[in-house]
N, C-alpha and C. Protein backbone atom coordinates (compact mmCIF):
# COMPACT_ATOMS: atom_id res chain seq x y z
N MET A 1 8.90 79.70 112.98
CA MET A 1 9.78 78.82 113.72
C MET A 1 9.69 79.19 115.20
N LYS A 2 9.44 78.19 116.02
CA LYS A 2 9.33 78.39 117.45
C LYS A 2 10.60 77.86 118.12
N LEU A 3 11.20 78.71 118.97
CA LEU A 3 12.41 78.32 119.68
C LEU A 3 12.05 77.70 121.02
N SER A 4 12.83 76.74 121.44
CA SER A 4 12.60 76.13 122.75
C SER A 4 12.97 77.14 123.84
N LYS A 5 12.47 76.88 125.02
CA LYS A 5 12.75 77.75 126.16
C LYS A 5 14.25 77.83 126.43
N GLU A 6 14.94 76.71 126.32
CA GLU A 6 16.38 76.67 126.58
C GLU A 6 17.16 77.52 125.58
N VAL A 7 16.77 77.44 124.29
CA VAL A 7 17.44 78.22 123.25
C VAL A 7 17.18 79.71 123.48
N THR A 8 15.95 80.05 123.81
CA THR A 8 15.60 81.45 124.07
C THR A 8 16.40 82.00 125.24
N VAL A 9 16.49 81.26 126.32
CA VAL A 9 17.26 81.68 127.50
C VAL A 9 18.74 81.84 127.14
N ALA A 10 19.26 80.91 126.35
CA ALA A 10 20.67 80.98 125.94
C ALA A 10 20.93 82.22 125.08
N ILE A 11 20.02 82.54 124.18
CA ILE A 11 20.17 83.73 123.33
C ILE A 11 20.14 85.00 124.17
N ILE A 12 19.19 85.09 125.09
CA ILE A 12 19.09 86.27 125.96
C ILE A 12 20.35 86.40 126.82
N GLY A 13 20.84 85.29 127.35
CA GLY A 13 22.07 85.31 128.14
C GLY A 13 23.26 85.77 127.33
N ALA A 14 23.38 85.28 126.11
CA ALA A 14 24.48 85.68 125.22
C ALA A 14 24.41 87.17 124.89
N LEU A 15 23.21 87.67 124.64
CA LEU A 15 23.03 89.10 124.37
C LEU A 15 23.45 89.94 125.57
N GLY A 16 23.12 89.47 126.76
CA GLY A 16 23.52 90.18 127.98
C GLY A 16 25.03 90.26 128.10
N VAL A 17 25.72 89.17 127.80
CA VAL A 17 27.19 89.14 127.85
C VAL A 17 27.78 90.10 126.81
N ILE A 18 27.20 90.09 125.61
CA ILE A 18 27.68 90.98 124.54
C ILE A 18 27.48 92.44 124.92
N ILE A 19 26.31 92.78 125.45
CA ILE A 19 26.04 94.16 125.84
C ILE A 19 26.96 94.58 126.98
N ALA A 20 27.18 93.73 127.97
CA ALA A 20 28.09 94.06 129.07
C ALA A 20 29.50 94.30 128.55
N ALA A 21 29.96 93.47 127.62
CA ALA A 21 31.30 93.64 127.04
C ALA A 21 31.38 94.94 126.25
N ALA A 22 30.33 95.28 125.53
CA ALA A 22 30.31 96.53 124.75
C ALA A 22 30.35 97.75 125.65
N ILE A 23 29.64 97.70 126.76
CA ILE A 23 29.67 98.81 127.71
C ILE A 23 31.06 98.95 128.29
N THR A 24 31.67 97.84 128.71
CA THR A 24 33.02 97.87 129.28
C THR A 24 34.03 98.40 128.27
N ALA A 25 33.85 98.06 127.01
CA ALA A 25 34.77 98.50 125.96
C ALA A 25 34.54 99.95 125.55
N GLY A 26 33.49 100.59 126.09
CA GLY A 26 33.22 101.98 125.77
C GLY A 26 32.45 102.18 124.47
N TRP A 27 31.79 101.13 123.98
CA TRP A 27 31.04 101.26 122.73
C TRP A 27 29.77 102.07 122.94
N PHE A 28 29.24 102.07 124.17
CA PHE A 28 28.08 102.88 124.50
C PHE A 28 28.56 103.99 125.42
N ASN A 29 28.00 105.16 125.26
CA ASN A 29 28.39 106.29 126.10
C ASN A 29 27.20 106.71 126.93
N PHE A 30 27.36 106.62 128.21
CA PHE A 30 26.30 107.04 129.11
C PHE A 30 26.65 108.42 129.64
N ASN A 31 26.58 109.38 128.75
CA ASN A 31 26.84 110.76 129.07
C ASN A 31 25.50 111.47 129.08
N GLU A 32 25.39 112.44 129.92
CA GLU A 32 24.12 113.15 129.95
C GLU A 32 24.34 114.63 130.19
N LYS A 33 23.42 115.40 129.71
CA LYS A 33 23.43 116.82 129.97
C LYS A 33 22.48 117.02 131.14
N LYS A 34 23.03 117.41 132.29
CA LYS A 34 22.23 117.55 133.50
C LYS A 34 21.28 118.74 133.41
N ASP A 35 21.78 119.85 132.94
CA ASP A 35 20.99 121.05 132.69
C ASP A 35 21.73 121.83 131.62
N LYS A 36 21.33 123.06 131.37
CA LYS A 36 21.95 123.78 130.25
C LYS A 36 23.43 124.10 130.48
N ASN A 37 23.90 124.02 131.73
CA ASN A 37 25.29 124.37 132.03
C ASN A 37 26.14 123.21 132.56
N THR A 38 25.56 122.05 132.80
CA THR A 38 26.29 120.97 133.45
C THR A 38 26.20 119.67 132.65
N TYR A 39 27.34 119.04 132.46
CA TYR A 39 27.43 117.75 131.78
C TYR A 39 27.96 116.71 132.76
N LYS A 40 27.59 115.45 132.54
CA LYS A 40 28.06 114.35 133.39
C LYS A 40 28.53 113.22 132.49
N TRP A 41 29.76 112.74 132.75
CA TRP A 41 30.31 111.62 131.99
C TRP A 41 30.57 110.46 132.92
N ILE A 42 30.05 109.28 132.56
CA ILE A 42 30.23 108.06 133.34
C ILE A 42 31.60 107.47 133.02
N LEU A 43 32.30 107.02 134.05
CA LEU A 43 33.60 106.36 133.89
C LEU A 43 33.44 104.88 134.17
N SER A 44 33.95 104.06 133.25
CA SER A 44 33.83 102.61 133.34
C SER A 44 35.19 101.97 133.55
N PRO A 45 35.22 100.77 134.18
CA PRO A 45 36.50 100.06 134.32
C PRO A 45 37.02 99.57 132.97
N VAL A 46 38.32 99.48 132.85
CA VAL A 46 38.95 98.99 131.62
C VAL A 46 39.06 97.48 131.66
N THR A 47 39.35 96.89 130.50
CA THR A 47 39.65 95.46 130.45
C THR A 47 41.13 95.28 130.79
N GLU A 48 41.52 94.09 131.17
CA GLU A 48 42.92 93.84 131.53
C GLU A 48 43.87 94.09 130.38
N GLU A 49 43.41 93.89 129.15
CA GLU A 49 44.27 94.12 127.99
C GLU A 49 44.59 95.60 127.82
N TRP A 50 43.75 96.47 128.38
CA TRP A 50 43.86 97.89 128.12
C TRP A 50 44.40 98.67 129.31
N GLY A 51 44.45 98.04 130.48
CA GLY A 51 44.92 98.74 131.67
C GLY A 51 44.85 97.83 132.88
N LYS A 52 44.65 98.43 134.03
CA LYS A 52 44.55 97.70 135.28
C LYS A 52 43.07 97.53 135.63
N ARG A 53 42.60 96.32 135.63
CA ARG A 53 41.17 96.06 135.86
C ARG A 53 40.86 96.06 137.35
N ILE A 54 39.97 96.95 137.75
CA ILE A 54 39.41 96.98 139.10
C ILE A 54 37.90 96.86 138.90
N PRO A 55 37.37 95.63 138.93
CA PRO A 55 35.98 95.37 138.51
C PRO A 55 34.92 96.24 139.19
N LYS A 56 35.09 96.58 140.45
CA LYS A 56 34.05 97.34 141.15
C LYS A 56 34.27 98.85 141.06
N ALA A 57 35.32 99.26 140.38
CA ALA A 57 35.58 100.69 140.23
C ALA A 57 34.57 101.31 139.28
N LYS A 58 34.11 102.49 139.64
CA LYS A 58 33.19 103.23 138.78
C LYS A 58 33.15 104.68 139.25
N GLY A 59 32.54 105.50 138.45
CA GLY A 59 32.41 106.89 138.86
C GLY A 59 31.92 107.77 137.74
N TYR A 60 32.02 109.06 137.99
CA TYR A 60 31.60 110.03 136.99
C TYR A 60 32.35 111.35 137.20
N LEU A 61 32.33 112.14 136.17
CA LEU A 61 32.90 113.47 136.21
C LEU A 61 31.83 114.42 135.71
N THR A 62 31.60 115.50 136.45
CA THR A 62 30.69 116.54 135.98
C THR A 62 31.50 117.75 135.57
N TYR A 63 30.99 118.45 134.57
CA TYR A 63 31.63 119.66 134.05
C TYR A 63 30.60 120.76 134.00
N ASN A 64 30.97 121.92 134.53
CA ASN A 64 30.07 123.06 134.55
C ASN A 64 30.60 124.13 133.61
N THR A 65 29.78 124.59 132.69
CA THR A 65 30.21 125.55 131.67
C THR A 65 30.15 127.00 132.13
N LYS A 66 29.77 127.26 133.35
CA LYS A 66 29.54 128.64 133.80
C LYS A 66 30.80 129.50 133.85
N LYS A 67 31.95 128.92 134.13
CA LYS A 67 33.17 129.71 134.30
C LYS A 67 33.94 129.76 132.99
N SER A 68 33.93 130.90 132.34
CA SER A 68 34.56 131.07 131.04
C SER A 68 36.07 130.83 131.10
N GLY A 69 36.59 130.03 130.14
CA GLY A 69 38.02 129.76 130.05
C GLY A 69 38.53 128.64 130.95
N PHE A 70 37.61 127.92 131.60
CA PHE A 70 38.02 126.88 132.53
C PHE A 70 37.25 125.58 132.31
N PHE A 71 37.95 124.46 132.51
CA PHE A 71 37.35 123.13 132.57
C PHE A 71 37.21 122.87 134.06
N GLU A 72 35.99 122.98 134.56
CA GLU A 72 35.75 122.96 136.00
C GLU A 72 34.60 122.03 136.34
N GLY A 73 34.76 121.27 137.41
CA GLY A 73 33.69 120.37 137.81
C GLY A 73 34.07 119.55 139.03
N THR A 74 33.48 118.36 139.09
CA THR A 74 33.66 117.46 140.22
C THR A 74 33.90 116.05 139.70
N ILE A 75 34.78 115.33 140.39
CA ILE A 75 35.02 113.92 140.07
C ILE A 75 34.60 113.10 141.28
N SER A 76 33.80 112.07 141.02
CA SER A 76 33.30 111.19 142.07
C SER A 76 33.57 109.75 141.66
N LEU A 77 34.36 109.05 142.47
CA LEU A 77 34.75 107.67 142.15
C LEU A 77 34.54 106.78 143.36
N GLN A 78 34.39 105.48 143.10
CA GLN A 78 34.31 104.50 144.19
C GLN A 78 34.81 103.16 143.68
N GLY A 79 35.08 102.26 144.63
CA GLY A 79 35.55 100.93 144.28
C GLY A 79 37.02 100.87 143.91
N LEU A 80 37.77 101.95 144.19
CA LEU A 80 39.20 101.99 143.89
C LEU A 80 39.99 101.34 145.02
N THR A 81 41.27 101.15 144.80
CA THR A 81 42.16 100.69 145.86
C THR A 81 42.22 101.78 146.92
N SER A 82 42.09 101.42 148.18
CA SER A 82 42.07 102.42 149.25
C SER A 82 43.43 103.08 149.43
N ASN A 83 43.39 104.36 149.79
CA ASN A 83 44.58 105.17 150.07
C ASN A 83 45.60 105.08 148.94
N ASN A 84 45.14 105.25 147.74
CA ASN A 84 46.01 105.14 146.57
C ASN A 84 45.93 106.43 145.76
N THR A 85 47.01 106.76 145.07
CA THR A 85 47.08 107.98 144.28
C THR A 85 46.73 107.68 142.82
N TYR A 86 45.87 108.53 142.26
CA TYR A 86 45.44 108.42 140.88
C TYR A 86 45.64 109.76 140.18
N LEU A 87 45.68 109.71 138.87
CA LEU A 87 45.86 110.91 138.06
C LEU A 87 44.73 110.95 137.04
N VAL A 88 44.04 112.09 136.95
CA VAL A 88 42.95 112.26 136.00
C VAL A 88 43.51 112.99 134.78
N SER A 89 43.20 112.46 133.59
CA SER A 89 43.81 112.95 132.36
C SER A 89 42.78 113.03 131.25
N ILE A 90 42.96 114.01 130.36
CA ILE A 90 42.20 114.02 129.12
C ILE A 90 43.18 113.84 127.97
N ASN A 91 42.81 112.98 127.03
CA ASN A 91 43.63 112.69 125.85
C ASN A 91 42.80 112.97 124.62
N GLY A 92 43.43 113.60 123.63
CA GLY A 92 42.69 113.89 122.42
C GLY A 92 43.56 113.81 121.18
N LYS A 93 42.99 113.34 120.11
CA LYS A 93 43.73 113.24 118.84
C LYS A 93 44.08 114.64 118.35
N SER A 94 45.31 114.77 117.87
CA SER A 94 45.78 116.06 117.41
C SER A 94 45.07 116.52 116.14
N SER A 95 44.34 115.62 115.49
CA SER A 95 43.58 116.00 114.29
C SER A 95 42.39 116.90 114.63
N HIS A 96 41.99 116.92 115.89
CA HIS A 96 40.90 117.81 116.32
C HIS A 96 41.52 119.12 116.80
N PRO A 97 41.21 120.25 116.18
CA PRO A 97 41.93 121.51 116.42
C PRO A 97 42.08 121.92 117.89
N SER A 98 41.02 121.89 118.69
CA SER A 98 41.14 122.34 120.08
C SER A 98 42.03 121.43 120.91
N ASN A 99 42.09 120.14 120.55
CA ASN A 99 42.94 119.21 121.31
C ASN A 99 44.41 119.60 121.23
N ASN A 100 44.81 120.36 120.22
CA ASN A 100 46.19 120.81 120.11
C ASN A 100 46.56 121.78 121.22
N TYR A 101 45.58 122.42 121.85
CA TYR A 101 45.87 123.30 122.98
C TYR A 101 46.42 122.51 124.16
N LEU A 102 46.07 121.23 124.26
CA LEU A 102 46.54 120.42 125.38
C LEU A 102 48.05 120.35 125.42
N VAL A 103 48.68 120.13 124.27
CA VAL A 103 50.14 120.02 124.21
C VAL A 103 50.78 121.40 124.46
N GLN A 104 50.09 122.48 124.11
CA GLN A 104 50.62 123.82 124.33
C GLN A 104 50.62 124.20 125.81
N LEU A 105 49.90 123.45 126.61
CA LEU A 105 49.89 123.70 128.05
C LEU A 105 51.11 123.10 128.74
N GLY A 106 52.02 122.52 127.97
CA GLY A 106 53.25 121.99 128.54
C GLY A 106 53.22 120.51 128.82
N GLU A 107 52.12 119.86 128.47
CA GLU A 107 52.04 118.43 128.68
C GLU A 107 52.56 117.70 127.44
N ASN A 108 52.61 116.42 127.53
CA ASN A 108 53.26 115.60 126.49
C ASN A 108 52.35 115.25 125.34
N LYS A 109 53.00 114.77 124.30
CA LYS A 109 52.31 114.28 123.11
C LYS A 109 52.76 112.83 122.92
N THR A 110 51.78 111.92 122.77
CA THR A 110 52.09 110.52 122.53
C THR A 110 51.49 110.12 121.21
N ASN A 111 52.31 109.63 120.31
CA ASN A 111 51.84 109.24 118.98
C ASN A 111 51.03 110.38 118.37
N SER A 112 49.77 110.13 118.08
CA SER A 112 48.94 111.17 117.47
C SER A 112 47.98 111.79 118.48
N GLU A 113 48.24 111.60 119.77
CA GLU A 113 47.36 112.16 120.79
C GLU A 113 48.11 113.16 121.67
N ASN A 114 47.39 114.18 122.05
CA ASN A 114 47.88 115.14 123.04
C ASN A 114 47.17 114.82 124.34
N TYR A 115 47.83 115.07 125.46
CA TYR A 115 47.14 114.82 126.72
C TYR A 115 47.49 115.84 127.77
N LEU A 116 46.59 115.95 128.72
CA LEU A 116 46.77 116.84 129.86
C LEU A 116 46.39 116.09 131.12
N ASP A 117 47.38 115.84 131.98
CA ASP A 117 47.12 115.28 133.31
C ASP A 117 46.73 116.47 134.18
N PHE A 118 45.47 116.56 134.59
CA PHE A 118 45.02 117.79 135.23
C PHE A 118 44.65 117.68 136.70
N LYS A 119 44.58 116.50 137.27
CA LYS A 119 44.22 116.41 138.68
C LYS A 119 44.80 115.15 139.31
N THR A 120 45.58 115.32 140.37
CA THR A 120 46.06 114.20 141.17
C THR A 120 45.08 114.04 142.33
N ILE A 121 44.62 112.81 142.54
CA ILE A 121 43.63 112.53 143.57
C ILE A 121 44.10 111.37 144.45
N LEU A 122 43.61 111.32 145.67
CA LEU A 122 43.93 110.25 146.61
C LEU A 122 42.63 109.63 147.08
N SER A 123 42.51 108.31 146.91
CA SER A 123 41.31 107.63 147.40
C SER A 123 41.36 107.53 148.92
N ASP A 124 40.19 107.50 149.55
CA ASP A 124 40.13 107.40 151.00
C ASP A 124 40.22 105.94 151.45
N ASP A 125 40.02 105.70 152.75
CA ASP A 125 40.10 104.34 153.31
C ASP A 125 39.12 103.37 152.66
N ASN A 126 38.03 103.90 152.09
CA ASN A 126 37.01 103.07 151.47
C ASN A 126 37.14 103.00 149.95
N GLY A 127 38.23 103.55 149.40
CA GLY A 127 38.43 103.53 147.95
C GLY A 127 37.58 104.54 147.20
N LYS A 128 37.16 105.60 147.90
CA LYS A 128 36.31 106.62 147.29
C LYS A 128 37.06 107.93 147.09
N VAL A 129 36.60 108.69 146.10
CA VAL A 129 37.14 110.01 145.81
C VAL A 129 35.96 110.92 145.50
N PHE A 130 35.96 112.11 146.07
CA PHE A 130 35.00 113.15 145.70
C PHE A 130 35.75 114.47 145.79
N GLN A 131 36.14 115.00 144.64
CA GLN A 131 36.94 116.22 144.62
C GLN A 131 36.54 117.12 143.47
N ASP A 132 36.70 118.41 143.70
CA ASP A 132 36.49 119.40 142.64
C ASP A 132 37.78 119.56 141.85
N PHE A 133 37.66 120.04 140.63
CA PHE A 133 38.83 120.34 139.81
C PHE A 133 38.56 121.61 139.02
N CYS A 134 39.62 122.26 138.62
CA CYS A 134 39.51 123.46 137.80
C CYS A 134 40.84 123.66 137.07
N VAL A 135 40.79 123.65 135.74
CA VAL A 135 42.00 123.84 134.95
C VAL A 135 41.68 124.82 133.82
N GLU A 136 42.58 125.76 133.61
CA GLU A 136 42.38 126.74 132.55
C GLU A 136 42.65 126.09 131.19
N LEU A 137 41.72 126.26 130.26
CA LEU A 137 41.87 125.77 128.89
C LEU A 137 41.47 126.89 127.93
N ARG A 138 42.09 126.87 126.78
CA ARG A 138 41.71 127.84 125.75
C ARG A 138 40.30 127.56 125.26
N PRO A 139 39.58 128.60 124.87
CA PRO A 139 38.24 128.39 124.31
C PRO A 139 38.29 127.50 123.07
N GLY A 140 37.27 126.68 122.91
CA GLY A 140 37.15 125.79 121.76
C GLY A 140 36.36 124.55 122.13
N LYS A 141 36.04 123.75 121.11
CA LYS A 141 35.32 122.49 121.31
C LYS A 141 36.35 121.38 121.40
N TYR A 142 36.31 120.62 122.49
CA TYR A 142 37.24 119.52 122.73
C TYR A 142 36.51 118.19 122.52
N ASN A 143 37.22 117.23 121.95
CA ASN A 143 36.70 115.89 121.73
C ASN A 143 37.79 114.94 122.23
N VAL A 144 37.65 114.47 123.47
CA VAL A 144 38.74 113.77 124.15
C VAL A 144 38.26 112.49 124.80
N LYS A 145 39.23 111.74 125.31
CA LYS A 145 38.99 110.59 126.17
C LYS A 145 39.34 111.03 127.59
N LEU A 146 38.64 110.51 128.54
CA LEU A 146 38.90 110.82 129.95
C LEU A 146 39.43 109.55 130.61
N PHE A 147 40.60 109.67 131.26
CA PHE A 147 41.22 108.53 131.91
C PHE A 147 41.49 108.82 133.38
N VAL A 148 41.36 107.78 134.21
CA VAL A 148 41.85 107.80 135.58
C VAL A 148 42.96 106.76 135.62
N LYS A 149 44.18 107.20 136.00
CA LYS A 149 45.36 106.33 135.96
C LYS A 149 45.89 106.09 137.37
N ASP A 150 46.35 104.87 137.62
CA ASP A 150 46.93 104.49 138.90
C ASP A 150 48.41 104.90 138.90
N VAL A 151 48.74 105.91 139.69
CA VAL A 151 50.12 106.42 139.75
C VAL A 151 51.08 105.35 140.26
N ASN A 152 50.63 104.51 141.18
CA ASN A 152 51.50 103.50 141.80
C ASN A 152 51.64 102.23 140.97
N ASP A 153 50.99 102.17 139.82
CA ASP A 153 51.08 101.01 138.93
C ASP A 153 51.43 101.48 137.51
N LYS A 154 52.52 102.21 137.41
CA LYS A 154 53.06 102.68 136.13
C LYS A 154 52.01 103.43 135.31
N TYR A 155 51.16 104.17 135.99
CA TYR A 155 50.13 104.99 135.33
C TYR A 155 49.16 104.16 134.49
N SER A 156 48.88 102.96 134.95
CA SER A 156 47.90 102.10 134.27
C SER A 156 46.52 102.76 134.34
N ILE A 157 45.80 102.71 133.24
CA ILE A 157 44.44 103.26 133.20
C ILE A 157 43.52 102.29 133.94
N VAL A 158 42.68 102.83 134.84
CA VAL A 158 41.74 102.00 135.58
C VAL A 158 40.28 102.33 135.24
N LEU A 159 40.01 103.59 134.89
CA LEU A 159 38.67 104.01 134.51
C LEU A 159 38.77 104.89 133.27
N PHE A 160 37.71 104.89 132.44
CA PHE A 160 37.78 105.67 131.22
C PHE A 160 36.39 106.02 130.69
N ASN A 161 36.37 106.99 129.79
CA ASN A 161 35.23 107.29 128.93
C ASN A 161 35.83 107.77 127.62
N ASN A 162 35.51 107.10 126.54
CA ASN A 162 36.11 107.39 125.22
C ASN A 162 35.41 108.48 124.44
N ASN A 163 34.36 109.07 124.97
CA ASN A 163 33.59 110.03 124.20
C ASN A 163 33.21 111.24 125.05
N VAL A 164 34.18 112.08 125.33
CA VAL A 164 33.96 113.27 126.15
C VAL A 164 34.08 114.47 125.24
N ILE A 165 32.97 115.14 125.02
CA ILE A 165 32.93 116.31 124.15
C ILE A 165 32.42 117.49 124.98
N PHE A 166 33.19 118.56 124.98
CA PHE A 166 32.78 119.75 125.72
C PHE A 166 33.33 120.99 125.04
N THR A 167 32.76 122.12 125.36
CA THR A 167 33.19 123.39 124.79
C THR A 167 33.62 124.32 125.93
N ILE A 168 34.77 124.91 125.76
CA ILE A 168 35.23 125.96 126.68
C ILE A 168 34.87 127.29 126.04
N TYR A 169 34.16 128.12 126.75
CA TYR A 169 33.74 129.43 126.23
C TYR A 169 34.68 130.52 126.68
């Protein structure tokens, strides 16, 4: 069966829309291991149903395993609202053993998830952020979601990655 050019173009276009929606929904994880000690997680904008949509917002978080007992790295963001305060958070299901350490650090528990708000950041005049972070965590393997929340909009999530796995040594 031979498809017409119009049908072929329509199918390719539809696939592009589906793939873009899947990436936005976090179905694909563009995480990479930079070297034996450094990981990089891509942060994507959320849909309006899930948070505050800022279409041009994007960024990444790197984590370096060199410092024992610490979650340490750099957060780099762009396309945010200028001169605005954001909060970086990790959330993890309490069914994963190491994620229970998050609630023991004095942070809250919501439903079946524990979370730790670990870095308050301020975007510059151009909506960019480039800052280091360092938070002490108990040793263990963590399987969490990474969120960037808009403090001035009832802590609405603006960027996320649903598949952040790291080990604290």
